[in-house]
Amino acid sequence: MHAAIIGALAGLTVAGSAMAGPIRLTDALGRTVELRAAPRRVVTIFSSNTELVAALGLTDRIVGIDAFTRYPPEAATKPVVGGRLGFSVDAVVAQNPDLVLVTPARQAAHQLLVPMERLGLPVIVLTSRSLGEVLSNIRLVGRALGEAERGETVAAGLEARLAAVARRLAGTVCPRTILVTGRLGNGLLLVARQDSYTGDALVRAGACPALANRGIAQVSPEAVLAADPDVLLLAGQEWELAELTARLGFREMRAVQAGRAHTLPRAEFLIPGPRTVDGIERLAALLHPHQTAP
């Protein structure tokens, strides 16, 4: 997050923090969630939700995370309440939370929502299918934590940065692009779907999808080769890209031959949060190097 936003947050005096009345919200499932007061102990399931709270400068309120959370560093040391094998109701309850933030992935919402409701622990379910939803989530979490003004400040700052990128790219020709997000044991590749958060981020960075894979994340290597994109991106490490582009067929791709095969940080494009705006700015500069900032 830019220093200007951090400074702005430090100077905020939020009336919502002092509100004695309940906070009533509607989450991504259309559920009405009522909080007696601004929560002080929050369990965040999934890295994306942890980063939303951290973006508001409220990492100190986080008391539990999932096993995959790595950022920010001060949150990564919090007690773990579950991960790849599932989520423990007992581990969540042991943190004595007054709010649980969860995302409906890896059965987290299914495993935790009903038990938490039975125990009277408020749960807010968040989805992140687009950048717009992430910005809405920042505002929602801000309101939930009694820090509505902080949420608005952070979300508006990110919106302004996205608008600046859009202005800079106005009128440009978008290169046909494929982003590989992983490889499966059966030989198939995972790619960014058009109708996903990551797909939205790519378009905002000035890329056009080279695959008509709306709703489909798994494709064959042959489909990628047939698409022959202008730009080949891989979310991961340089050695992974080198290994992929050394394969028969891939090394002959137009993007590889033209030096337009690049890696992207996984955290910036696969974790729906504020850091994706950093990634969009960098990718826009990479795809459209001759465009000057407004």
C-alpha atoms as a PDB file:
ATOM      1  CA  MET A   1       0.000   0.000   0.000  1.00  0.00           C
ATOM      2  CA  HIS A   2       1.262   3.436  -0.828  1.00  0.00           C
ATOM      3  CA  ALA A   3       2.713   5.556   1.975  1.00  0.00           C
ATOM      4  CA  ALA A   4       0.117   8.259   1.368  1.00  0.00           C
ATOM      5  CA  ILE A   5      -2.715   5.889   2.206  1.00  0.00           C
ATOM      6  CA  ILE A   6      -0.938   4.610   5.303  1.00  0.00           C
ATOM      7  CA  GLY A   7      -0.453   8.180   6.477  1.00  0.00           C
ATOM      8  CA  ALA A   8      -4.092   8.979   5.830  1.00  0.00           C
ATOM      9  CA  LEU A   9      -5.203   5.975   7.859  1.00  0.00           C
ATOM     10  CA  ALA A  10      -2.992   6.960  10.760  1.00  0.00           C
ATOM     11  CA  GLY A  11      -4.727  10.310  10.995  1.00  0.00           C
ATOM     12  CA  LEU A  12      -8.305   9.093  10.852  1.00  0.00           C
ATOM     13  CA  THR A  13     -10.710   9.525  13.721  1.00  0.00           C
ATOM     14  CA  VAL A  14     -13.571   7.203  12.968  1.00  0.00           C
ATOM     15  CA  ALA A  15     -16.940   7.870  14.482  1.00  0.00           C
ATOM     16  CA  GLY A  16     -17.964   4.257  13.819  1.00  0.00           C
ATOM     17  CA  SER A  17     -15.363   3.017  16.307  1.00  0.00           C
ATOM     18  CA  ALA A  18     -17.175   4.722  19.138  1.00  0.00           C
ATOM     19  CA  MET A  19     -20.662   3.643  18.139  1.00  0.00           C
ATOM     20  CA  ALA A  20     -22.404   1.808  20.946  1.00  0.00           C
ATOM     21  CA  GLY A  21     -25.196   0.410  18.791  1.00  0.00           C
ATOM     22  CA  PRO A  22     -25.105  -2.781  16.748  1.00  0.00           C
ATOM     23  CA  ILE A  23     -23.617  -2.986  13.259  1.00  0.00           C
ATOM     24  CA  ARG A  24     -25.850  -4.643  10.679  1.00  0.00           C
ATOM     25  CA  LEU A  25     -24.433  -5.878   7.354  1.00  0.00           C
ATOM     26  CA  THR A  26     -25.334  -8.090   4.396  1.00  0.00           C
ATOM     27  CA  ASP A  27     -22.658 -10.552   3.258  1.00  0.00           C
ATOM     28  CA  ALA A  28     -21.969 -12.247  -0.087  1.00  0.00           C
ATOM     29  CA  LEU A  29     -24.566 -14.952   0.574  1.00  0.00           C
ATOM     30  CA  GLY A  30     -27.247 -12.365   1.227  1.00  0.00           C
ATOM     31  CA  ARG A  31     -27.208 -13.137   4.940  1.00  0.00           C
ATOM     32  CA  THR A  32     -27.904 -10.348   7.407  1.00  0.00           C
ATOM     33  CA  VAL A  33     -25.132 -10.286  10.007  1.00  0.00           C
ATOM     34  CA  GLU A  34     -25.552  -8.250  13.169  1.00  0.00           C
ATOM     35  CA  LEU A  35     -22.620  -7.351  15.390  1.00  0.00           C
ATOM     36  CA  ARG A  36     -23.270  -6.028  18.877  1.00  0.00           C
ATOM     37  CA  ALA A  37     -20.224  -3.764  18.650  1.00  0.00           C
ATOM     38  CA  ALA A  38     -17.097  -3.353  16.544  1.00  0.00           C
ATOM     39  CA  PRO A  39     -15.208  -6.686  16.773  1.00  0.00           C
ATOM     40  CA  ARG A  40     -11.825  -6.725  18.486  1.00  0.00           C
ATOM     41  CA  ARG A  41     -10.922 -10.402  17.908  1.00  0.00           C
ATOM     42  CA  VAL A  42     -11.216 -11.582  14.308  1.00  0.00           C
ATOM     43  CA  VAL A  43     -10.451 -14.966  12.757  1.00  0.00           C
ATOM     44  CA  THR A  44      -9.655 -14.588   9.050  1.00  0.00           C
ATOM     45  CA  ILE A  45     -10.012 -17.702   6.934  1.00  0.00           C
ATOM     46  CA  PHE A  46      -7.927 -17.436   3.737  1.00  0.00           C
ATOM     47  CA  SER A  47      -5.095 -15.087   2.916  1.00  0.00           C
ATOM     48  CA  SER A  48      -7.367 -12.729   1.001  1.00  0.00           C
ATOM     49  CA  ASN A  49      -9.443 -11.939   4.079  1.00  0.00           C
ATOM     50  CA  THR A  50      -6.348 -11.495   6.234  1.00  0.00           C
ATOM     51  CA  GLU A  51      -4.996  -8.991   3.716  1.00  0.00           C
ATOM     52  CA  LEU A  52      -8.256  -7.038   3.722  1.00  0.00           C
ATOM     53  CA  VAL A  53      -8.045  -6.529   7.484  1.00  0.00           C
ATOM     54  CA  ALA A  54      -4.335  -5.712   7.241  1.00  0.00           C
ATOM     55  CA  ALA A  55      -5.009  -3.133   4.517  1.00  0.00           C
ATOM     56  CA  LEU A  56      -7.169  -1.282   7.030  1.00  0.00           C
ATOM     57  CA  GLY A  57      -4.261  -1.166   9.477  1.00  0.00           C
ATOM     58  CA  LEU A  58      -6.054  -3.539  11.860  1.00  0.00           C
ATOM     59  CA  THR A  59      -3.756  -6.566  11.902  1.00  0.00           C
ATOM     60  CA  ASP A  60      -3.683  -6.356  15.693  1.00  0.00           C
ATOM     61  CA  ARG A  61      -7.319  -7.496  15.756  1.00  0.00           C
ATOM     62  CA  ILE A  62      -6.545 -10.763  13.950  1.00  0.00           C
ATOM     63  CA  VAL A  63      -6.412 -13.688  16.394  1.00  0.00           C
ATOM     64  CA  GLY A  64      -6.526 -16.656  14.002  1.00  0.00           C
ATOM     65  CA  ILE A  65      -5.601 -17.477  10.388  1.00  0.00           C
ATOM     66  CA  ASP A  66      -5.471 -20.432   8.006  1.00  0.00           C
ATOM     67  CA  ALA A  67      -2.298 -22.388   7.289  1.00  0.00           C
ATOM     68  CA  PHE A  68      -1.666 -20.710   3.930  1.00  0.00           C
ATOM     69  CA  THR A  69      -1.440 -17.135   5.174  1.00  0.00           C
ATOM     70  CA  ARG A  70       2.024 -15.631   4.633  1.00  0.00           C
ATOM     71  CA  TYR A  71       1.301 -11.924   4.400  1.00  0.00           C
ATOM     72  CA  PRO A  72       1.649  -9.576   6.110  1.00  0.00           C
ATOM     73  CA  PRO A  73       4.453 -11.090   8.232  1.00  0.00           C
ATOM     74  CA  GLU A  74       2.927  -9.901  11.500  1.00  0.00           C
ATOM     75  CA  ALA A  75      -0.292 -11.769  10.683  1.00  0.00           C
ATOM     76  CA  ALA A  76       1.486 -14.951   9.604  1.00  0.00           C
ATOM     77  CA  THR A  77       2.505 -15.659  13.203  1.00  0.00           C
ATOM     78  CA  LYS A  78      -1.087 -15.776  14.481  1.00  0.00           C
ATOM     79  CA  PRO A  79      -2.610 -19.105  15.644  1.00  0.00           C
ATOM     80  CA  VAL A  80      -3.616 -21.423  12.781  1.00  0.00           C
ATOM     81  CA  VAL A  81      -7.186 -22.769  12.795  1.00  0.00           C
ATOM     82  CA  GLY A  82      -7.061 -24.992   9.706  1.00  0.00           C
ATOM     83  CA  GLY A  83      -5.768 -25.467   6.206  1.00  0.00           C
ATOM     84  CA  ARG A  84      -5.530 -28.056   3.467  1.00  0.00           C
ATOM     85  CA  LEU A  85      -7.249 -30.817   5.447  1.00  0.00           C
ATOM     86  CA  GLY A  86     -10.085 -28.662   6.706  1.00  0.00           C
ATOM     87  CA  PHE A  87     -10.943 -26.182   9.417  1.00  0.00           C
ATOM     88  CA  SER A  88     -11.363 -26.867  13.113  1.00  0.00           C
ATOM     89  CA  VAL A  89     -14.392 -25.423  14.862  1.00  0.00           C
ATOM     90  CA  ASP A  90     -12.654 -26.038  18.194  1.00  0.00           C
ATOM     91  CA  ALA A  91      -9.535 -24.174  17.044  1.00  0.00           C
ATOM     92  CA  VAL A  92     -11.632 -21.207  15.947  1.00  0.00           C
ATOM     93  CA  VAL A  93     -13.615 -21.128  19.196  1.00  0.00           C
ATOM     94  CA  ALA A  94     -10.392 -21.373  21.224  1.00  0.00           C
ATOM     95  CA  GLN A  95      -9.382 -17.942  19.913  1.00  0.00           C
ATOM     96  CA  ASN A  96     -12.525 -16.429  21.479  1.00  0.00           C
ATOM     97  CA  PRO A  97     -13.404 -14.446  18.327  1.00  0.00           C
ATOM     98  CA  ASP A  98     -16.213 -11.956  18.014  1.00  0.00           C
ATOM     99  CA  LEU A  99     -16.114 -12.202  14.197  1.00  0.00           C
ATOM    100  CA  VAL A 100     -15.081 -14.815  11.629  1.00  0.00           C
ATOM    101  CA  LEU A 101     -14.345 -13.788   8.035  1.00  0.00           C
ATOM    102  CA  VAL A 102     -14.592 -16.693   5.611  1.00  0.00           C
ATOM    103  CA  THR A 103     -14.566 -17.329   1.872  1.00  0.00           C
ATOM    104  CA  PRO A 104     -16.530 -20.191   0.260  1.00  0.00           C
ATOM    105  CA  ALA A 105     -13.504 -22.143  -0.981  1.00  0.00           C
ATOM    106  CA  ARG A 106     -12.045 -25.507   0.074  1.00  0.00           C
ATOM    107  CA  GLN A 107     -15.291 -26.155   1.974  1.00  0.00           C
ATOM    108  CA  ALA A 108     -14.448 -23.496   4.558  1.00  0.00           C
ATOM    109  CA  ALA A 109     -17.885 -21.900   4.586  1.00  0.00           C
ATOM    110  CA  HIS A 110     -19.559 -25.319   4.601  1.00  0.00           C
ATOM    111  CA  GLN A 111     -17.473 -26.528   7.543  1.00  0.00           C
ATOM    112  CA  LEU A 112     -17.658 -23.388   9.663  1.00  0.00           C
ATOM    113  CA  LEU A 113     -20.792 -21.405   8.884  1.00  0.00           C
ATOM    114  CA  VAL A 114     -23.469 -23.561  10.530  1.00  0.00           C
ATOM    115  CA  PRO A 115     -21.374 -24.507  13.619  1.00  0.00           C
ATOM    116  CA  MET A 116     -20.435 -20.875  14.203  1.00  0.00           C
ATOM    117  CA  GLU A 117     -24.054 -19.771  13.872  1.00  0.00           C
ATOM    118  CA  ARG A 118     -25.126 -22.415  16.384  1.00  0.00           C
ATOM    119  CA  LEU A 119     -22.544 -21.072  18.810  1.00  0.00           C
ATOM    120  CA  GLY A 120     -23.718 -17.519  18.256  1.00  0.00           C
ATOM    121  CA  LEU A 121     -20.438 -16.395  16.654  1.00  0.00           C
ATOM    122  CA  PRO A 122     -20.932 -13.908  13.798  1.00  0.00           C
ATOM    123  CA  VAL A 123     -19.617 -15.012  10.407  1.00  0.00           C
ATOM    124  CA  ILE A 124     -19.287 -12.799   7.337  1.00  0.00           C
ATOM    125  CA  VAL A 125     -18.892 -14.635   4.019  1.00  0.00           C
ATOM    126  CA  LEU A 126     -16.931 -12.752   1.341  1.00  0.00           C
ATOM    127  CA  THR A 127     -16.525 -13.608  -2.341  1.00  0.00           C
ATOM    128  CA  SER A 128     -13.972 -12.099  -4.718  1.00  0.00           C
ATOM    129  CA  ARG A 129     -14.959 -12.763  -8.310  1.00  0.00           C
ATOM    130  CA  SER A 130     -13.753  -9.378  -9.563  1.00  0.00           C
ATOM    131  CA  LEU A 131     -11.757  -6.326  -8.507  1.00  0.00           C
ATOM    132  CA  GLY A 132     -15.062  -4.582  -7.925  1.00  0.00           C
ATOM    133  CA  GLU A 133     -16.047  -7.192  -5.346  1.00  0.00           C
ATOM    134  CA  VAL A 134     -12.704  -6.835  -3.580  1.00  0.00           C
ATOM    135  CA  LEU A 135     -13.176  -3.084  -3.283  1.00  0.00           C
ATOM    136  CA  SER A 136     -16.683  -3.678  -1.950  1.00  0.00           C
ATOM    137  CA  ASN A 137     -15.249  -6.175   0.535  1.00  0.00           C
ATOM    138  CA  ILE A 138     -12.785  -3.586   1.827  1.00  0.00           C
ATOM    139  CA  ARG A 139     -15.650  -1.211   2.494  1.00  0.00           C
ATOM    140  CA  LEU A 140     -17.753  -3.988   4.050  1.00  0.00           C
ATOM    141  CA  VAL A 141     -14.963  -5.149   6.368  1.00  0.00           C
ATOM    142  CA  GLY A 142     -14.295  -1.538   7.307  1.00  0.00           C
ATOM    143  CA  ARG A 143     -17.920  -1.122   8.344  1.00  0.00           C
ATOM    144  CA  ALA A 144     -17.917  -4.464  10.155  1.00  0.00           C
ATOM    145  CA  LEU A 145     -14.897  -3.451  12.226  1.00  0.00           C
ATOM    146  CA  GLY A 146     -16.325  -0.036  13.042  1.00  0.00           C
ATOM    147  CA  GLU A 147     -13.837   1.639  10.709  1.00  0.00           C
ATOM    148  CA  ALA A 148     -16.034   2.658   7.783  1.00  0.00           C
ATOM    149  CA  GLU A 149     -13.950   5.736   6.997  1.00  0.00           C
ATOM    150  CA  ARG A 150     -10.775   3.690   6.817  1.00  0.00           C
ATOM    151  CA  GLY A 151     -12.471   1.246   4.471  1.00  0.00           C
ATOM    152  CA  GLU A 152     -13.638   4.058   2.223  1.00  0.00           C
ATOM    153  CA  THR A 153     -10.182   5.676   2.206  1.00  0.00           C
ATOM    154  CA  VAL A 154      -8.408   2.460   1.235  1.00  0.00           C
ATOM    155  CA  ALA A 155     -10.967   1.444  -1.398  1.00  0.00           C
ATOM    156  CA  ALA A 156     -11.088   4.925  -2.945  1.00  0.00           C
ATOM    157  CA  GLY A 157      -7.289   5.040  -3.114  1.00  0.00           C
ATOM    158  CA  LEU A 158      -7.179   1.720  -4.954  1.00  0.00           C
ATOM    159  CA  GLU A 159      -9.963   2.830  -7.296  1.00  0.00           C
ATOM    160  CA  ALA A 160      -8.003   5.975  -8.145  1.00  0.00           C
ATOM    161  CA  ARG A 161      -4.928   3.923  -9.026  1.00  0.00           C
ATOM    162  CA  LEU A 162      -6.978   1.596 -11.241  1.00  0.00           C
ATOM    163  CA  ALA A 163      -8.544   4.594 -12.964  1.00  0.00           C
ATOM    164  CA  ALA A 164      -5.067   6.009 -13.645  1.00  0.00           C
ATOM    165  CA  VAL A 165      -4.044   2.747 -15.323  1.00  0.00           C
ATOM    166  CA  ALA A 166      -7.226   2.762 -17.410  1.00  0.00           C
ATOM    167  CA  ARG A 167      -6.522   6.314 -18.582  1.00  0.00           C
ATOM    168  CA  ARG A 168      -2.975   5.422 -19.514  1.00  0.00           C
ATOM    169  CA  LEU A 169      -4.117   2.420 -21.547  1.00  0.00           C
ATOM    170  CA  ALA A 170      -7.014   4.143 -23.318  1.00  0.00           C
ATOM    171  CA  GLY A 171      -6.798   3.522 -27.051  1.00  0.00           C
ATOM    172  CA  THR A 172      -4.026   0.914 -26.846  1.00  0.00           C
ATOM    173  CA  VAL A 173      -4.163  -2.450 -28.608  1.00  0.00           C
ATOM    174  CA  CYS A 174      -4.257  -5.249 -26.061  1.00  0.00           C
ATOM    175  CA  PRO A 175      -1.958  -8.217 -26.676  1.00  0.00           C
ATOM    176  CA  ARG A 176      -3.547 -11.689 -26.721  1.00  0.00           C
ATOM    177  CA  THR A 177      -2.408 -13.177 -23.439  1.00  0.00           C
ATOM    178  CA  ILE A 178      -2.502 -16.454 -21.523  1.00  0.00           C
ATOM    179  CA  LEU A 179      -1.671 -16.658 -17.817  1.00  0.00           C
ATOM    180  CA  VAL A 180      -0.710 -20.133 -16.612  1.00  0.00           C
ATOM    181  CA  THR A 181      -1.458 -20.437 -12.906  1.00  0.00           C
ATOM    182  CA  GLY A 182      -0.405 -24.043 -12.325  1.00  0.00           C
ATOM    183  CA  ARG A 183       0.246 -27.502 -13.722  1.00  0.00           C
ATOM    184  CA  LEU A 184      -1.623 -30.708 -12.905  1.00  0.00           C
ATOM    185  CA  GLY A 185      -0.238 -34.215 -12.628  1.00  0.00           C
ATOM    186  CA  ASN A 186      -2.349 -35.359 -15.584  1.00  0.00           C
ATOM    187  CA  GLY A 187      -0.531 -32.964 -17.894  1.00  0.00           C
ATOM    188  CA  LEU A 188      -3.233 -30.311 -18.021  1.00  0.00           C
ATOM    189  CA  LEU A 189      -2.450 -26.664 -17.337  1.00  0.00           C
ATOM    190  CA  LEU A 190      -4.376 -24.342 -15.059  1.00  0.00           C
ATOM    191  CA  VAL A 191      -5.018 -20.998 -16.707  1.00  0.00           C
ATOM    192  CA  ALA A 192      -6.738 -17.795 -15.632  1.00  0.00           C
ATOM    193  CA  ARG A 193     -10.405 -17.856 -16.602  1.00  0.00           C
ATOM    194  CA  GLN A 194     -11.986 -14.862 -18.284  1.00  0.00           C
ATOM    195  CA  ASP A 195     -14.806 -14.738 -15.727  1.00  0.00           C
ATOM    196  CA  SER A 196     -12.551 -14.768 -12.675  1.00  0.00           C
ATOM    197  CA  TYR A 197     -10.872 -12.289 -10.389  1.00  0.00           C
ATOM    198  CA  THR A 198      -7.541 -12.983 -12.083  1.00  0.00           C
ATOM    199  CA  GLY A 199      -9.087 -12.596 -15.532  1.00  0.00           C
ATOM    200  CA  ASP A 200     -10.487  -9.223 -14.500  1.00  0.00           C
ATOM    201  CA  ALA A 201      -7.042  -8.141 -13.284  1.00  0.00           C
ATOM    202  CA  LEU A 202      -5.437  -9.119 -16.598  1.00  0.00           C
ATOM    203  CA  VAL A 203      -7.955  -7.105 -18.607  1.00  0.00           C
ATOM    204  CA  ARG A 204      -7.437  -4.080 -16.351  1.00  0.00           C
ATOM    205  CA  ALA A 205      -3.701  -4.381 -17.013  1.00  0.00           C
ATOM    206  CA  GLY A 206      -4.323  -4.134 -20.744  1.00  0.00           C
ATOM    207  CA  ALA A 207      -4.329  -7.812 -21.753  1.00  0.00           C
ATOM    208  CA  CYS A 208      -6.862  -9.587 -23.962  1.00  0.00           C
ATOM    209  CA  PRO A 209      -7.663 -13.272 -23.345  1.00  0.00           C
ATOM    210  CA  ALA A 210      -6.208 -15.575 -26.005  1.00  0.00           C
ATOM    211  CA  LEU A 211      -8.331 -18.531 -24.877  1.00  0.00           C
ATOM    212  CA  ALA A 212     -12.118 -18.667 -24.969  1.00  0.00           C
ATOM    213  CA  ASN A 213     -12.166 -20.500 -21.640  1.00  0.00           C
ATOM    214  CA  ARG A 214     -14.945 -18.766 -19.766  1.00  0.00           C
ATOM    215  CA  GLY A 215     -15.750 -21.010 -16.818  1.00  0.00           C
ATOM    216  CA  ILE A 216     -12.945 -23.487 -17.574  1.00  0.00           C
ATOM    217  CA  ALA A 217      -9.635 -23.360 -15.711  1.00  0.00           C
ATOM    218  CA  GLN A 218      -8.055 -26.607 -16.965  1.00  0.00           C
ATOM    219  CA  VAL A 219      -6.791 -26.779 -20.540  1.00  0.00           C
ATOM    220  CA  SER A 220      -4.460 -29.014 -22.481  1.00  0.00           C
ATOM    221  CA  PRO A 221      -0.983 -27.854 -23.479  1.00  0.00           C
ATOM    222  CA  GLU A 222      -2.135 -28.312 -27.074  1.00  0.00           C
ATOM    223  CA  ALA A 223      -4.877 -25.709 -26.550  1.00  0.00           C
ATOM    224  CA  VAL A 224      -2.307 -23.198 -25.337  1.00  0.00           C
ATOM    225  CA  LEU A 225      -0.032 -23.952 -28.283  1.00  0.00           C
ATOM    226  CA  ALA A 226      -2.925 -23.615 -30.728  1.00  0.00           C
ATOM    227  CA  ALA A 227      -3.857 -20.226 -29.270  1.00  0.00           C
ATOM    228  CA  ASP A 228      -0.249 -19.051 -29.792  1.00  0.00           C
ATOM    229  CA  PRO A 229      -0.645 -15.887 -27.675  1.00  0.00           C
ATOM    230  CA  ASP A 230       1.304 -12.679 -28.107  1.00  0.00           C
ATOM    231  CA  VAL A 231       2.254 -12.865 -24.419  1.00  0.00           C
ATOM    232  CA  LEU A 232       2.683 -15.931 -22.210  1.00  0.00           C
ATOM    233  CA  LEU A 233       2.552 -15.315 -18.463  1.00  0.00           C
ATOM    234  CA  LEU A 234       3.175 -17.737 -15.625  1.00  0.00           C
ATOM    235  CA  ALA A 235       2.249 -17.085 -12.014  1.00  0.00           C
ATOM    236  CA  GLY A 236       5.287 -18.439 -10.220  1.00  0.00           C
ATOM    237  CA  GLN A 237       9.058 -18.632 -10.323  1.00  0.00           C
ATOM    238  CA  GLU A 238      11.492 -18.087 -13.189  1.00  0.00           C
ATOM    239  CA  TRP A 239      12.612 -21.722 -13.098  1.00  0.00           C
ATOM    240  CA  GLU A 240       9.009 -22.833 -13.611  1.00  0.00           C
ATOM    241  CA  LEU A 241       8.691 -20.629 -16.676  1.00  0.00           C
ATOM    242  CA  ALA A 242      12.027 -21.867 -18.024  1.00  0.00           C
ATOM    243  CA  GLU A 243      10.891 -25.461 -17.573  1.00  0.00           C
ATOM    244  CA  LEU A 244       7.581 -24.808 -19.344  1.00  0.00           C
ATOM    245  CA  THR A 245       9.033 -22.864 -22.267  1.00  0.00           C
ATOM    246  CA  ALA A 246      11.737 -25.485 -22.832  1.00  0.00           C
ATOM    247  CA  ARG A 247       9.086 -28.072 -23.699  1.00  0.00           C
ATOM    248  CA  LEU A 248       8.597 -29.144 -27.291  1.00  0.00           C
ATOM    249  CA  GLY A 249       6.152 -26.777 -28.946  1.00  0.00           C
ATOM    250  CA  PHE A 250       6.354 -24.123 -26.250  1.00  0.00           C
ATOM    251  CA  ARG A 251       9.836 -23.012 -27.199  1.00  0.00           C
ATOM    252  CA  GLU A 252       8.532 -22.354 -30.719  1.00  0.00           C
ATOM    253  CA  MET A 253       5.625 -20.190 -29.508  1.00  0.00           C
ATOM    254  CA  ARG A 254       5.452 -16.654 -30.840  1.00  0.00           C
ATOM    255  CA  ALA A 255       5.563 -15.184 -27.314  1.00  0.00           C
ATOM    256  CA  VAL A 256       8.649 -17.186 -26.368  1.00  0.00           C
ATOM    257  CA  GLN A 257      10.471 -16.392 -29.598  1.00  0.00           C
ATOM    258  CA  ALA A 258       9.697 -12.684 -29.179  1.00  0.00           C
ATOM    259  CA  GLY A 259      10.892 -12.590 -25.571  1.00  0.00           C
ATOM    260  CA  ARG A 260       7.375 -11.968 -24.275  1.00  0.00           C
ATOM    261  CA  ALA A 261       7.165 -14.840 -21.794  1.00  0.00           C
ATOM    262  CA  HIS A 262       7.199 -13.514 -18.232  1.00  0.00           C
ATOM    263  CA  THR A 263       6.530 -14.523 -14.639  1.00  0.00           C
ATOM    264  CA  LEU A 264       4.106 -12.777 -12.303  1.00  0.00           C
ATOM    265  CA  PRO A 265       4.048 -12.912  -8.489  1.00  0.00           C
ATOM    266  CA  ARG A 266       1.379 -15.419  -7.475  1.00  0.00           C
ATOM    267  CA  ALA A 267       0.314 -13.284  -4.526  1.00  0.00           C
ATOM    268  CA  GLU A 268      -0.509 -10.319  -6.750  1.00  0.00           C
ATOM    269  CA  PHE A 269      -2.760 -12.190  -9.165  1.00  0.00           C
ATOM    270  CA  LEU A 270      -4.072 -15.219  -7.264  1.00  0.00           C
ATOM    271  CA  ILE A 271      -4.892 -13.671  -3.864  1.00  0.00           C
ATOM    272  CA  PRO A 272      -7.840 -11.272  -4.217  1.00  0.00           C
ATOM    273  CA  GLY A 273      -6.648  -8.259  -2.280  1.00  0.00           C
ATOM    274  CA  PRO A 274      -5.082  -4.801  -2.425  1.00  0.00           C
ATOM    275  CA  ARG A 275      -1.734  -6.125  -3.668  1.00  0.00           C
ATOM    276  CA  THR A 276      -3.360  -7.024  -6.979  1.00  0.00           C
ATOM    277  CA  VAL A 277      -3.465  -3.323  -7.817  1.00  0.00           C
ATOM    278  CA  ASP A 278       0.339  -3.283  -7.489  1.00  0.00           C
ATOM    279  CA  GLY A 279       0.451  -6.205  -9.904  1.00  0.00           C
ATOM    280  CA  ILE A 280      -1.890  -4.523 -12.377  1.00  0.00           C
ATOM    281  CA  GLU A 281       0.270  -1.401 -12.444  1.00  0.00           C
ATOM    282  CA  ARG A 282       3.434  -3.435 -13.045  1.00  0.00           C
ATOM    283  CA  LEU A 283       1.864  -5.692 -15.664  1.00  0.00           C
ATOM    284  CA  ALA A 284       0.395  -2.714 -17.530  1.00  0.00           C
ATOM    285  CA  ALA A 285       3.885  -1.199 -17.739  1.00  0.00           C
ATOM    286  CA  LEU A 286       5.275  -4.537 -18.947  1.00  0.00           C
ATOM    287  CA  LEU A 287       2.626  -5.059 -21.626  1.00  0.00           C
ATOM    288  CA  HIS A 288       2.541  -1.424 -22.750  1.00  0.00           C
ATOM    289  CA  PRO A 289       6.034  -0.026 -22.079  1.00  0.00           C
ATOM    290  CA  HIS A 290       5.649   2.916 -24.455  1.00  0.00           C
ATOM    291  CA  GLN A 291       2.652   4.370 -22.662  1.00  0.00           C
ATOM    292  CA  THR A 292       3.540   7.276 -20.392  1.00  0.00           C
ATOM    293  CA  ALA A 293       1.928   7.925 -17.038  1.00  0.00           C
ATOM    294  CA  PRO A 294      -0.851  10.545 -17.078  1.00  0.00           C
END
